[in-house]
PDB file of N, CA and C in Angstrom:
ATOM      1  N   MET A   1     -48.247   2.544 -77.849  1.00  0.00           N
ATOM      2  CA  MET A   1     -48.013   1.290 -77.139  1.00  0.00           C
ATOM      3  C   MET A   1     -48.327   1.407 -75.645  1.00  0.00           C
ATOM      4  N   PRO A   2     -47.889   2.474 -74.966  1.00  0.00           N
ATOM      5  CA  PRO A   2     -48.204   2.590 -73.533  1.00  0.00           C
ATOM      6  C   PRO A   2     -49.699   2.547 -73.256  1.00  0.00           C
ATOM      7  N   GLY A   3     -50.484   3.133 -74.156  1.00  0.00           N
ATOM      8  CA  GLY A   3     -51.931   3.115 -73.970  1.00  0.00           C
ATOM      9  C   GLY A   3     -52.467   1.693 -74.036  1.00  0.00           C
ATOM     10  N   LEU A   4     -51.911   0.892 -74.938  1.00  0.00           N
ATOM     11  CA  LEU A   4     -52.328  -0.504 -75.079  1.00  0.00           C
ATOM     12  C   LEU A   4     -51.981  -1.289 -73.814  1.00  0.00           C
ATOM     13  N   ILE A   5     -50.791  -1.037 -73.269  1.00  0.00           N
ATOM     14  CA  ILE A   5     -50.376  -1.717 -72.043  1.00  0.00           C
ATOM     15  C   ILE A   5     -51.285  -1.322 -70.883  1.00  0.00           C
ATOM     16  N   ALA A   6     -51.620  -0.039 -70.792  1.00  0.00           N
ATOM     17  CA  ALA A   6     -52.515   0.424 -69.734  1.00  0.00           C
ATOM     18  C   ALA A   6     -53.881  -0.235 -69.871  1.00  0.00           C
ATOM     19  N   TYR A   7     -54.365  -0.346 -71.107  1.00  0.00           N
ATOM     20  CA  TYR A   7     -55.652  -0.990 -71.358  1.00  0.00           C
ATOM     21  C   TYR A   7     -55.608  -2.450 -70.911  1.00  0.00           C
ATOM     22  N   GLN A   8     -54.528  -3.128 -71.218  1.00  0.00           N
ATOM     23  CA  GLN A   8     -54.379  -4.528 -70.823  1.00  0.00           C
ATOM     24  C   GLN A   8     -54.339  -4.658 -69.303  1.00  0.00           C
ATOM     25  N   LEU A   9     -53.658  -3.723 -68.640  1.00  0.00           N
ATOM     26  CA  LEU A   9     -53.574  -3.755 -67.177  1.00  0.00           C
ATOM     27  C   LEU A   9     -54.960  -3.644 -66.551  1.00  0.00           C
ATOM     28  N   VAL A  10     -55.825  -2.861 -67.199  1.00  0.00           N
ATOM     29  CA  VAL A  10     -57.189  -2.705 -66.689  1.00  0.00           C
ATOM     30  C   VAL A  10     -58.006  -3.950 -66.984  1.00  0.00           C
ATOM     31  N   ARG A  11     -57.778  -4.537 -68.135  1.00  0.00           N
ATOM     32  CA  ARG A  11     -58.596  -5.660 -68.591  1.00  0.00           C
ATOM     33  C   ARG A  11     -58.214  -7.002 -67.974  1.00  0.00           C
ATOM     34  N   GLN A  12     -56.948  -7.175 -67.619  1.00  0.00           N
ATOM     35  CA  GLN A  12     -56.504  -8.460 -67.097  1.00  0.00           C
ATOM     36  C   GLN A  12     -55.486  -8.267 -65.978  1.00  0.00           C
ATOM     37  N   PRO A  13     -55.194  -9.321 -65.225  1.00  0.00           N
ATOM     38  CA  PRO A  13     -54.261  -9.206 -64.096  1.00  0.00           C
ATOM     39  C   PRO A  13     -52.880  -8.704 -64.530  1.00  0.00           C
ATOM     40  N   PRO A  14     -52.223  -7.903 -63.680  1.00  0.00           N
ATOM     41  CA  PRO A  14     -50.901  -7.347 -64.012  1.00  0.00           C
ATOM     42  C   PRO A  14     -49.882  -8.421 -64.375  1.00  0.00           C
ATOM     43  N   ARG A  15     -49.947  -9.560 -63.688  1.00  0.00           N
ATOM     44  CA  ARG A  15     -48.966 -10.621 -63.947  1.00  0.00           C
ATOM     45  C   ARG A  15     -49.036 -11.082 -65.401  1.00  0.00           C
ATOM     46  N   ALA A  16     -50.248 -11.292 -65.903  1.00  0.00           N
ATOM     47  CA  ALA A  16     -50.417 -11.748 -67.287  1.00  0.00           C
ATOM     48  C   ALA A  16     -49.916 -10.687 -68.266  1.00  0.00           C
ATOM     49  N   THR A  17     -50.195  -9.429 -67.943  1.00  0.00           N
ATOM     50  CA  THR A  17     -49.762  -8.336 -68.819  1.00  0.00           C
ATOM     51  C   THR A  17     -48.242  -8.252 -68.860  1.00  0.00           C
ATOM     52  N   LEU A  18     -47.612  -8.332 -67.689  1.00  0.00           N
ATOM     53  CA  LEU A  18     -46.153  -8.269 -67.638  1.00  0.00           C
ATOM     54  C   LEU A  18     -45.533  -9.456 -68.360  1.00  0.00           C
ATOM     55  N   LEU A  19     -46.144 -10.620 -68.197  1.00  0.00           N
ATOM     56  CA  LEU A  19     -45.630 -11.819 -68.852  1.00  0.00           C
ATOM     57  C   LEU A  19     -45.713 -11.677 -70.370  1.00  0.00           C
ATOM     58  N   ALA A  20     -46.859 -11.209 -70.856  1.00  0.00           N
ATOM     59  CA  ALA A  20     -47.050 -11.050 -72.298  1.00  0.00           C
ATOM     60  C   ALA A  20     -46.099  -9.994 -72.859  1.00  0.00           C
ATOM     61  N   THR A  21     -46.018  -8.859 -72.168  1.00  0.00           N
ATOM     62  CA  THR A  21     -45.143  -7.776 -72.629  1.00  0.00           C
ATOM     63  C   THR A  21     -43.684  -8.221 -72.618  1.00  0.00           C
ATOM     64  N   GLY A  22     -43.295  -8.907 -71.545  1.00  0.00           N
ATOM     65  CA  GLY A  22     -41.930  -9.389 -71.433  1.00  0.00           C
ATOM     66  C   GLY A  22     -41.600 -10.402 -72.515  1.00  0.00           C
ATOM     67  N   SER A  23     -42.559 -11.269 -72.816  1.00  0.00           N
ATOM     68  CA  SER A  23     -42.334 -12.291 -73.841  1.00  0.00           C
ATOM     69  C   SER A  23     -42.117 -11.650 -75.207  1.00  0.00           C
ATOM     70  N   VAL A  24     -42.941 -10.672 -75.532  1.00  0.00           N
ATOM     71  CA  VAL A  24     -42.822  -9.992 -76.829  1.00  0.00           C
ATOM     72  C   VAL A  24     -41.493  -9.247 -76.916  1.00  0.00           C
ATOM     73  N   THR A  25     -41.136  -8.557 -75.830  1.00  0.00           N
ATOM     74  CA  THR A  25     -39.874  -7.808 -75.808  1.00  0.00           C
ATOM     75  C   THR A  25     -38.684  -8.751 -75.954  1.00  0.00           C
ATOM     76  N   LEU A  26     -38.720  -9.846 -75.182  1.00  0.00           N
ATOM     77  CA  LEU A  26     -37.632 -10.823 -75.240  1.00  0.00           C
ATOM     78  C   LEU A  26     -37.544 -11.419 -76.648  1.00  0.00           C
ATOM     79  N   GLY A  27     -38.688 -11.739 -77.224  1.00  0.00           N
ATOM     80  CA  GLY A  27     -38.712 -12.305 -78.571  1.00  0.00           C
ATOM     81  C   GLY A  27     -38.086 -11.366 -79.590  1.00  0.00           C
ATOM     82  N   ALA A  28     -38.393 -10.072 -79.461  1.00  0.00           N
ATOM     83  CA  ALA A  28     -37.842  -9.084 -80.388  1.00  0.00           C
ATOM     84  C   ALA A  28     -36.319  -9.028 -80.271  1.00  0.00           C
ATOM     85  N   TYR A  29     -35.826  -9.047 -79.018  1.00  0.00           N
ATOM     86  CA  TYR A  29     -34.375  -9.021 -78.813  1.00  0.00           C
ATOM     87  C   TYR A  29     -33.710 -10.282 -79.353  1.00  0.00           C
ATOM     88  N   VAL A  30     -34.360 -11.426 -79.185  1.00  0.00           N
ATOM     89  CA  VAL A  30     -33.807 -12.685 -79.692  1.00  0.00           C
ATOM     90  C   VAL A  30     -33.694 -12.636 -81.218  1.00  0.00           C
ATOM     91  N   VAL A  31     -34.739 -12.124 -81.863  1.00  0.00           N
ATOM     92  CA  VAL A  31     -34.716 -12.019 -83.323  1.00  0.00           C
ATOM     93  C   VAL A  31     -33.589 -11.088 -83.775  1.00  0.00           C
ATOM     94  N   LEU A  32     -33.455  -9.944 -83.084  1.00  0.00           N
ATOM     95  CA  LEU A  32     -32.389  -8.997 -83.440  1.00  0.00           C
ATOM     96  C   LEU A  32     -31.014  -9.606 -83.214  1.00  0.00           C
ATOM     97  N   ALA A  33     -30.837 -10.286 -82.077  1.00  0.00           N
ATOM     98  CA  ALA A  33     -29.548 -10.888 -81.764  1.00  0.00           C
ATOM     99  C   ALA A  33     -29.206 -11.977 -82.773  1.00  0.00           C
ATOM    100  N   THR A  34     -30.203 -12.789 -83.124  1.00  0.00           N
ATOM    101  CA  THR A  34     -29.971 -13.863 -84.091  1.00  0.00           C
ATOM    102  C   THR A  34     -29.584 -13.284 -85.449  1.00  0.00           C
ATOM    103  N   GLY A  35     -30.299 -12.248 -85.860  1.00  0.00           N
ATOM    104  CA  GLY A  35     -30.002 -11.599 -87.130  1.00  0.00           C
ATOM    105  C   GLY A  35     -28.592 -11.032 -87.146  1.00  0.00           C
ATOM    106  N   ALA A  36     -28.177 -10.422 -86.022  1.00  0.00           N
ATOM    107  CA  ALA A  36     -26.841  -9.839 -85.937  1.00  0.00           C
ATOM    108  C   ALA A  36     -25.782 -10.939 -85.987  1.00  0.00           C
ATOM    109  N   LEU A  37     -26.041 -12.052 -85.277  1.00  0.00           N
ATOM    110  CA  LEU A  37     -25.072 -13.143 -85.254  1.00  0.00           C
ATOM    111  C   LEU A  37     -24.939 -13.794 -86.624  1.00  0.00           C
ATOM    112  N   LEU A  38     -26.040 -13.870 -87.354  1.00  0.00           N
ATOM    113  CA  LEU A  38     -26.010 -14.492 -88.677  1.00  0.00           C
ATOM    114  C   LEU A  38     -25.500 -13.534 -89.750  1.00  0.00           C
ATOM    115  N   GLY A  39     -25.252 -12.276 -89.357  1.00  0.00           N
ATOM    116  CA  GLY A  39     -24.732 -11.314 -90.301  1.00  0.00           C
ATOM    117  C   GLY A  39     -25.805 -10.677 -91.166  1.00  0.00           C
ATOM    118  N   ALA A  40     -27.066 -10.814 -90.765  1.00  0.00           N
ATOM    119  CA  ALA A  40     -28.149 -10.241 -91.537  1.00  0.00           C
ATOM    120  C   ALA A  40     -28.175  -8.725 -91.363  1.00  0.00           C
ATOM    121  N   LEU A  41     -27.680  -8.266 -90.222  1.00  0.00           N
ATOM    122  CA  LEU A  41     -27.629  -6.829 -89.965  1.00  0.00           C
ATOM    123  C   LEU A  41     -26.198  -6.343 -90.080  1.00  0.00           C
ATOM    124  N   PRO A  42     -26.030  -5.143 -90.590  1.00  0.00           N
ATOM    125  CA  PRO A  42     -24.673  -4.588 -90.656  1.00  0.00           C
ATOM    126  C   PRO A  42     -24.176  -4.320 -89.246  1.00  0.00           C
ATOM    127  N   SER A  43     -22.945  -4.687 -88.954  1.00  0.00           N
ATOM    128  CA  SER A  43     -22.416  -4.458 -87.608  1.00  0.00           C
ATOM    129  C   SER A  43     -22.224  -2.969 -87.374  1.00  0.00           C
ATOM    130  N   VAL A  44     -22.610  -2.518 -86.185  1.00  0.00           N
ATOM    131  CA  VAL A  44     -22.542  -1.097 -85.886  1.00  0.00           C
ATOM    132  C   VAL A  44     -21.185  -0.764 -85.274  1.00  0.00           C
TER     133      VAL A  44
END
């Protein structure tokens, strides 16, 4: 993954890369949080 991010940084402006990376990360956390709240995941 870090290599992909580095490639993106070279290919496009840093702002766009950070925005895209942040969006994907945030989306993943939202999905995990929603799953935990709905009881789809076993509580740790």
